[in-house]
Amino acid sequence: MKAAHEVYDAARVAAEAGLEIPHGRPDGWGACGYRPGWELDWHAAKASLWKSPYSWLNSKPFEM
């Protein structure tokens, strides 16, 4: 959560200053954009490991 909050704050500050939003930190976190007026509810936010929605696919080759 700390990394997400830091990235959000950096994106907000850059956007408000008219600068490019910083992408990719060494820890892999980054922002692609910022929407003015959208305030996040950090007290309700949750974080966990990301699981690909395609993880159920079998990645082994198959014959037709």
PDB file of N, CA and C in Angstrom:
ATOM      1  N   MET A   1       0.825  -1.187   0.000  1.00  0.00           N
ATOM      2  CA  MET A   1       0.000   0.000   0.000  1.00  0.00           C
ATOM      3  C   MET A   1       0.871   1.253   0.000  1.00  0.00           C
ATOM      4  N   LYS A   2       1.977   1.176   0.703  1.00  0.00           N
ATOM      5  CA  LYS A   2       2.856   2.344   0.762  1.00  0.00           C
ATOM      6  C   LYS A   2       3.358   2.719  -0.636  1.00  0.00           C
ATOM      7  N   ALA A   3       3.775   1.728  -1.409  1.00  0.00           N
ATOM      8  CA  ALA A   3       4.271   1.996  -2.767  1.00  0.00           C
ATOM      9  C   ALA A   3       3.165   2.567  -3.646  1.00  0.00           C
ATOM     10  N   ALA A   4       1.962   2.013  -3.543  1.00  0.00           N
ATOM     11  CA  ALA A   4       0.837   2.504  -4.345  1.00  0.00           C
ATOM     12  C   ALA A   4       0.529   3.956  -4.003  1.00  0.00           C
ATOM     13  N   HIS A   5       0.556   4.266  -2.734  1.00  0.00           N
ATOM     14  CA  HIS A   5       0.265   5.641  -2.292  1.00  0.00           C
ATOM     15  C   HIS A   5       1.344   6.598  -2.789  1.00  0.00           C
ATOM     16  N   GLU A   6       2.599   6.179  -2.721  1.00  0.00           N
ATOM     17  CA  GLU A   6       3.701   7.030  -3.194  1.00  0.00           C
ATOM     18  C   GLU A   6       3.596   7.292  -4.697  1.00  0.00           C
ATOM     19  N   VAL A   7       3.254   6.258  -5.458  1.00  0.00           N
ATOM     20  CA  VAL A   7       3.112   6.408  -6.907  1.00  0.00           C
ATOM     21  C   VAL A   7       1.950   7.347  -7.228  1.00  0.00           C
ATOM     22  N   TYR A   8       0.843   7.184  -6.532  1.00  0.00           N
ATOM     23  CA  TYR A   8      -0.320   8.048  -6.736  1.00  0.00           C
ATOM     24  C   TYR A   8       0.042   9.501  -6.437  1.00  0.00           C
ATOM     25  N   ASP A   9       0.708   9.719  -5.309  1.00  0.00           N
ATOM     26  CA  ASP A   9       1.090  11.089  -4.940  1.00  0.00           C
ATOM     27  C   ASP A   9       2.030  11.701  -5.976  1.00  0.00           C
ATOM     28  N   ALA A  10       2.994  10.909  -6.468  1.00  0.00           N
ATOM     29  CA  ALA A  10       3.937  11.415  -7.475  1.00  0.00           C
ATOM     30  C   ALA A  10       3.203  11.747  -8.778  1.00  0.00           C
ATOM     31  N   ALA A  11       2.242  10.915  -9.156  1.00  0.00           N
ATOM     32  CA  ALA A  11       1.466  11.175 -10.373  1.00  0.00           C
ATOM     33  C   ALA A  11       0.635  12.444 -10.215  1.00  0.00           C
ATOM     34  N   ARG A  12       0.018  12.623  -9.059  1.00  0.00           N
ATOM     35  CA  ARG A  12      -0.799  13.817  -8.809  1.00  0.00           C
ATOM     36  C   ARG A  12       0.052  15.073  -8.873  1.00  0.00           C
ATOM     37  N   VAL A  13       1.191  15.073  -8.186  1.00  0.00           N
ATOM     38  CA  VAL A  13       2.067  16.247  -8.162  1.00  0.00           C
ATOM     39  C   VAL A  13       2.557  16.583  -9.572  1.00  0.00           C
ATOM     40  N   ALA A  14       2.968  15.553 -10.330  1.00  0.00           N
ATOM     41  CA  ALA A  14       3.448  15.794 -11.704  1.00  0.00           C
ATOM     42  C   ALA A  14       2.332  16.353 -12.577  1.00  0.00           C
ATOM     43  N   ALA A  15       1.149  15.757 -12.497  1.00  0.00           N
ATOM     44  CA  ALA A  15       0.025  16.222 -13.327  1.00  0.00           C
ATOM     45  C   ALA A  15      -0.344  17.659 -12.993  1.00  0.00           C
ATOM     46  N   GLU A  16      -0.391  17.975 -11.713  1.00  0.00           N
ATOM     47  CA  GLU A  16      -0.747  19.341 -11.310  1.00  0.00           C
ATOM     48  C   GLU A  16       0.299  20.364 -11.729  1.00  0.00           C
ATOM     49  N   ALA A  17       1.548  19.913 -11.866  1.00  0.00           N
ATOM     50  CA  ALA A  17       2.623  20.814 -12.300  1.00  0.00           C
ATOM     51  C   ALA A  17       2.772  20.845 -13.817  1.00  0.00           C
ATOM     52  N   GLY A  18       1.952  20.058 -14.524  1.00  0.00           N
ATOM     53  CA  GLY A  18       2.037  20.016 -15.979  1.00  0.00           C
ATOM     54  C   GLY A  18       3.202  19.198 -16.493  1.00  0.00           C
ATOM     55  N   LEU A  19       3.731  18.323 -15.663  1.00  0.00           N
ATOM     56  CA  LEU A  19       4.867  17.492 -16.045  1.00  0.00           C
ATOM     57  C   LEU A  19       4.403  16.091 -16.426  1.00  0.00           C
ATOM     58  N   GLU A  20       5.291  15.357 -17.077  1.00  0.00           N
ATOM     59  CA  GLU A  20       4.990  13.977 -17.432  1.00  0.00           C
ATOM     60  C   GLU A  20       4.897  13.136 -16.162  1.00  0.00           C
ATOM     61  N   ILE A  21       3.929  12.257 -16.130  1.00  0.00           N
ATOM     62  CA  ILE A  21       3.763  11.379 -14.972  1.00  0.00           C
ATOM     63  C   ILE A  21       4.900  10.368 -14.958  1.00  0.00           C
ATOM     64  N   PRO A  22       5.579  10.245 -13.826  1.00  0.00           N
ATOM     65  CA  PRO A  22       6.706   9.302 -13.759  1.00  0.00           C
ATOM     66  C   PRO A  22       6.233   7.859 -13.883  1.00  0.00           C
ATOM     67  N   HIS A  23       6.915   7.114 -14.722  1.00  0.00           N
ATOM     68  CA  HIS A  23       6.600   5.692 -14.917  1.00  0.00           C
ATOM     69  C   HIS A  23       7.664   4.855 -14.228  1.00  0.00           C
ATOM     70  N   GLY A  24       7.321   3.663 -13.899  1.00  0.00           N
ATOM     71  CA  GLY A  24       8.257   2.647 -13.425  1.00  0.00           C
ATOM     72  C   GLY A  24       9.297   3.075 -12.417  1.00  0.00           C
ATOM     73  N   ARG A  25       9.130   2.590 -11.226  1.00  0.00           N
ATOM     74  CA  ARG A  25      10.153   2.763 -10.194  1.00  0.00           C
ATOM     75  C   ARG A  25      10.980   1.489 -10.152  1.00  0.00           C
ATOM     76  N   PRO A  26      12.110   1.516  -9.481  1.00  0.00           N
ATOM     77  CA  PRO A  26      12.936   0.299  -9.397  1.00  0.00           C
ATOM     78  C   PRO A  26      12.188  -0.893  -8.785  1.00  0.00           C
ATOM     79  N   ASP A  27      11.176  -0.617  -7.969  1.00  0.00           N
ATOM     80  CA  ASP A  27      10.425  -1.719  -7.348  1.00  0.00           C
ATOM     81  C   ASP A  27       9.303  -2.235  -8.238  1.00  0.00           C
ATOM     82  N   GLY A  28       9.165  -1.681  -9.461  1.00  0.00           N
ATOM     83  CA  GLY A  28       8.173  -2.157 -10.405  1.00  0.00           C
ATOM     84  C   GLY A  28       6.853  -1.397 -10.389  1.00  0.00           C
ATOM     85  N   TRP A  29       6.641  -0.523  -9.429  1.00  0.00           N
ATOM     86  CA  TRP A  29       5.401   0.249  -9.355  1.00  0.00           C
ATOM     87  C   TRP A  29       5.485   1.446 -10.282  1.00  0.00           C
ATOM     88  N   GLY A  30       4.359   1.853 -10.831  1.00  0.00           N
ATOM     89  CA  GLY A  30       4.311   3.018 -11.690  1.00  0.00           C
ATOM     90  C   GLY A  30       2.873   3.407 -11.975  1.00  0.00           C
ATOM     91  N   ALA A  31       2.682   4.579 -12.533  1.00  0.00           N
ATOM     92  CA  ALA A  31       1.351   5.069 -12.885  1.00  0.00           C
ATOM     93  C   ALA A  31       1.311   5.358 -14.374  1.00  0.00           C
ATOM     94  N   CYS A  32       0.166   5.127 -14.974  1.00  0.00           N
ATOM     95  CA  CYS A  32      -0.011   5.418 -16.400  1.00  0.00           C
ATOM     96  C   CYS A  32      -0.805   6.693 -16.618  1.00  0.00           C
ATOM     97  N   GLY A  33      -1.401   7.192 -15.555  1.00  0.00           N
ATOM     98  CA  GLY A  33      -2.204   8.394 -15.695  1.00  0.00           C
ATOM     99  C   GLY A  33      -2.714   8.870 -14.353  1.00  0.00           C
ATOM    100  N   TYR A  34      -3.420   9.971 -14.396  1.00  0.00           N
ATOM    101  CA  TYR A  34      -4.002  10.560 -13.187  1.00  0.00           C
ATOM    102  C   TYR A  34      -5.296  11.246 -13.592  1.00  0.00           C
ATOM    103  N   ARG A  35      -6.346  11.048 -12.829  1.00  0.00           N
ATOM    104  CA  ARG A  35      -7.635  11.692 -13.103  1.00  0.00           C
ATOM    105  C   ARG A  35      -7.921  12.731 -12.037  1.00  0.00           C
ATOM    106  N   PRO A  36      -7.848  14.004 -12.385  1.00  0.00           N
ATOM    107  CA  PRO A  36      -8.170  15.058 -11.421  1.00  0.00           C
ATOM    108  C   PRO A  36      -9.584  14.872 -10.886  1.00  0.00           C
ATOM    109  N   GLY A  37      -9.733  15.099  -9.613  1.00  0.00           N
ATOM    110  CA  GLY A  37     -11.040  14.995  -8.984  1.00  0.00           C
ATOM    111  C   GLY A  37     -11.357  13.616  -8.422  1.00  0.00           C
ATOM    112  N   TRP A  38     -10.579  12.624  -8.781  1.00  0.00           N
ATOM    113  CA  TRP A  38     -10.788  11.291  -8.232  1.00  0.00           C
ATOM    114  C   TRP A  38      -9.930  11.157  -6.980  1.00  0.00           C
ATOM    115  N   GLU A  39     -10.547  11.098  -5.850  1.00  0.00           N
ATOM    116  CA  GLU A  39      -9.811  10.910  -4.605  1.00  0.00           C
ATOM    117  C   GLU A  39      -9.966   9.469  -4.155  1.00  0.00           C
ATOM    118  N   LEU A  40      -8.864   8.811  -3.917  1.00  0.00           N
ATOM    119  CA  LEU A  40      -8.891   7.411  -3.525  1.00  0.00           C
ATOM    120  C   LEU A  40      -9.155   7.260  -2.034  1.00  0.00           C
ATOM    121  N   ASP A  41      -9.863   6.220  -1.674  1.00  0.00           N
ATOM    122  CA  ASP A  41     -10.154   5.920  -0.271  1.00  0.00           C
ATOM    123  C   ASP A  41      -9.075   4.974   0.243  1.00  0.00           C
ATOM    124  N   TRP A  42      -7.985   5.547   0.693  1.00  0.00           N
ATOM    125  CA  TRP A  42      -6.830   4.745   1.109  1.00  0.00           C
ATOM    126  C   TRP A  42      -7.135   3.870   2.320  1.00  0.00           C
ATOM    127  N   HIS A  43      -8.063   4.268   3.166  1.00  0.00           N
ATOM    128  CA  HIS A  43      -8.400   3.451   4.335  1.00  0.00           C
ATOM    129  C   HIS A  43      -9.123   2.169   3.925  1.00  0.00           C
ATOM    130  N   ALA A  44      -9.816   2.193   2.811  1.00  0.00           N
ATOM    131  CA  ALA A  44     -10.549   1.017   2.336  1.00  0.00           C
ATOM    132  C   ALA A  44      -9.736   0.194   1.325  1.00  0.00           C
ATOM    133  N   ALA A  45      -8.604   0.705   0.905  1.00  0.00           N
ATOM    134  CA  ALA A  45      -7.806   0.036  -0.131  1.00  0.00           C
ATOM    135  C   ALA A  45      -7.174  -1.249   0.401  1.00  0.00           C
ATOM    136  N   LYS A  46      -7.026  -2.207  -0.510  1.00  0.00           N
ATOM    137  CA  LYS A  46      -6.389  -3.480  -0.179  1.00  0.00           C
ATOM    138  C   LYS A  46      -5.363  -3.797  -1.257  1.00  0.00           C
ATOM    139  N   ALA A  47      -4.371  -4.574  -0.903  1.00  0.00           N
ATOM    140  CA  ALA A  47      -3.361  -4.990  -1.869  1.00  0.00           C
ATOM    141  C   ALA A  47      -3.030  -6.457  -1.636  1.00  0.00           C
ATOM    142  N   SER A  48      -2.743  -7.144  -2.735  1.00  0.00           N
ATOM    143  CA  SER A  48      -2.316  -8.536  -2.655  1.00  0.00           C
ATOM    144  C   SER A  48      -1.533  -8.858  -3.909  1.00  0.00           C
ATOM    145  N   LEU A  49      -0.975 -10.049  -3.961  1.00  0.00           N
ATOM    146  CA  LEU A  49      -0.241 -10.453  -5.148  1.00  0.00           C
ATOM    147  C   LEU A  49      -1.191 -10.523  -6.326  1.00  0.00           C
ATOM    148  N   TRP A  50      -0.717 -10.097  -7.494  1.00  0.00           N
ATOM    149  CA  TRP A  50      -1.542 -10.103  -8.687  1.00  0.00           C
ATOM    150  C   TRP A  50      -1.564 -11.498  -9.269  1.00  0.00           C
ATOM    151  N   LYS A  51      -2.745 -11.959  -9.655  1.00  0.00           N
ATOM    152  CA  LYS A  51      -2.890 -13.254 -10.310  1.00  0.00           C
ATOM    153  C   LYS A  51      -3.488 -13.019 -11.690  1.00  0.00           C
ATOM    154  N   SER A  52      -2.816 -13.519 -12.693  1.00  0.00           N
ATOM    155  CA  SER A  52      -3.267 -13.332 -14.069  1.00  0.00           C
ATOM    156  C   SER A  52      -4.638 -13.955 -14.268  1.00  0.00           C
ATOM    157  N   PRO A  53      -5.557 -13.245 -14.912  1.00  0.00           N
ATOM    158  CA  PRO A  53      -6.857 -13.843 -15.190  1.00  0.00           C
ATOM    159  C   PRO A  53      -6.769 -14.985 -16.195  1.00  0.00           C
ATOM    160  N   TYR A  54      -5.637 -15.139 -16.837  1.00  0.00           N
ATOM    161  CA  TYR A  54      -5.427 -16.213 -17.810  1.00  0.00           C
ATOM    162  C   TYR A  54      -4.623 -17.364 -17.230  1.00  0.00           C
ATOM    163  N   SER A  55      -4.435 -17.402 -15.920  1.00  0.00           N
ATOM    164  CA  SER A  55      -3.616 -18.440 -15.300  1.00  0.00           C
ATOM    165  C   SER A  55      -4.220 -19.829 -15.477  1.00  0.00           C
ATOM    166  N   TRP A  56      -5.492 -19.916 -15.770  1.00  0.00           N
ATOM    167  CA  TRP A  56      -6.145 -21.210 -15.957  1.00  0.00           C
ATOM    168  C   TRP A  56      -5.793 -21.849 -17.293  1.00  0.00           C
ATOM    169  N   LEU A  57      -5.260 -21.054 -18.216  1.00  0.00           N
ATOM    170  CA  LEU A  57      -4.892 -21.600 -19.524  1.00  0.00           C
ATOM    171  C   LEU A  57      -3.692 -22.529 -19.401  1.00  0.00           C
ATOM    172  N   ASN A  58      -3.711 -23.575 -20.143  1.00  0.00           N
ATOM    173  CA  ASN A  58      -2.587 -24.492 -20.166  1.00  0.00           C
ATOM    174  C   ASN A  58      -1.552 -23.920 -21.139  1.00  0.00           C
ATOM    175  N   SER A  59      -0.371 -23.625 -20.647  1.00  0.00           N
ATOM    176  CA  SER A  59       0.649 -23.003 -21.495  1.00  0.00           C
ATOM    177  C   SER A  59       1.484 -24.027 -22.250  1.00  0.00           C
ATOM    178  N   LYS A  60       1.180 -25.334 -22.085  1.00  0.00           N
ATOM    179  CA  LYS A  60       1.934 -26.361 -22.800  1.00  0.00           C
ATOM    180  C   LYS A  60       1.492 -26.422 -24.263  1.00  0.00           C
ATOM    181  N   PRO A  61       2.427 -26.715 -25.173  1.00  0.00           N
ATOM    182  CA  PRO A  61       2.046 -26.807 -26.584  1.00  0.00           C
ATOM    183  C   PRO A  61       1.080 -27.991 -26.801  1.00  0.00           C
ATOM    184  N   PHE A  62       0.276 -27.883 -27.828  1.00  0.00           N
ATOM    185  CA  PHE A  62      -0.656 -28.958 -28.145  1.00  0.00           C
ATOM    186  C   PHE A  62      -0.679 -29.172 -29.656  1.00  0.00           C
ATOM    187  N   GLU A  63      -1.108 -30.357 -30.035  1.00  0.00           N
ATOM    188  CA  GLU A  63      -1.176 -30.687 -31.451  1.00  0.00           C
ATOM    189  C   GLU A  63      -2.616 -30.608 -31.920  1.00  0.00           C
ATOM    190  N   MET A  64      -2.794 -30.195 -33.176  1.00  0.00           N
ATOM    191  CA  MET A  64      -4.143 -30.139 -33.738  1.00  0.00           C
ATOM    192  C   MET A  64      -4.404 -31.353 -34.595  1.00  0.00           C
TER     193      MET A  64
END
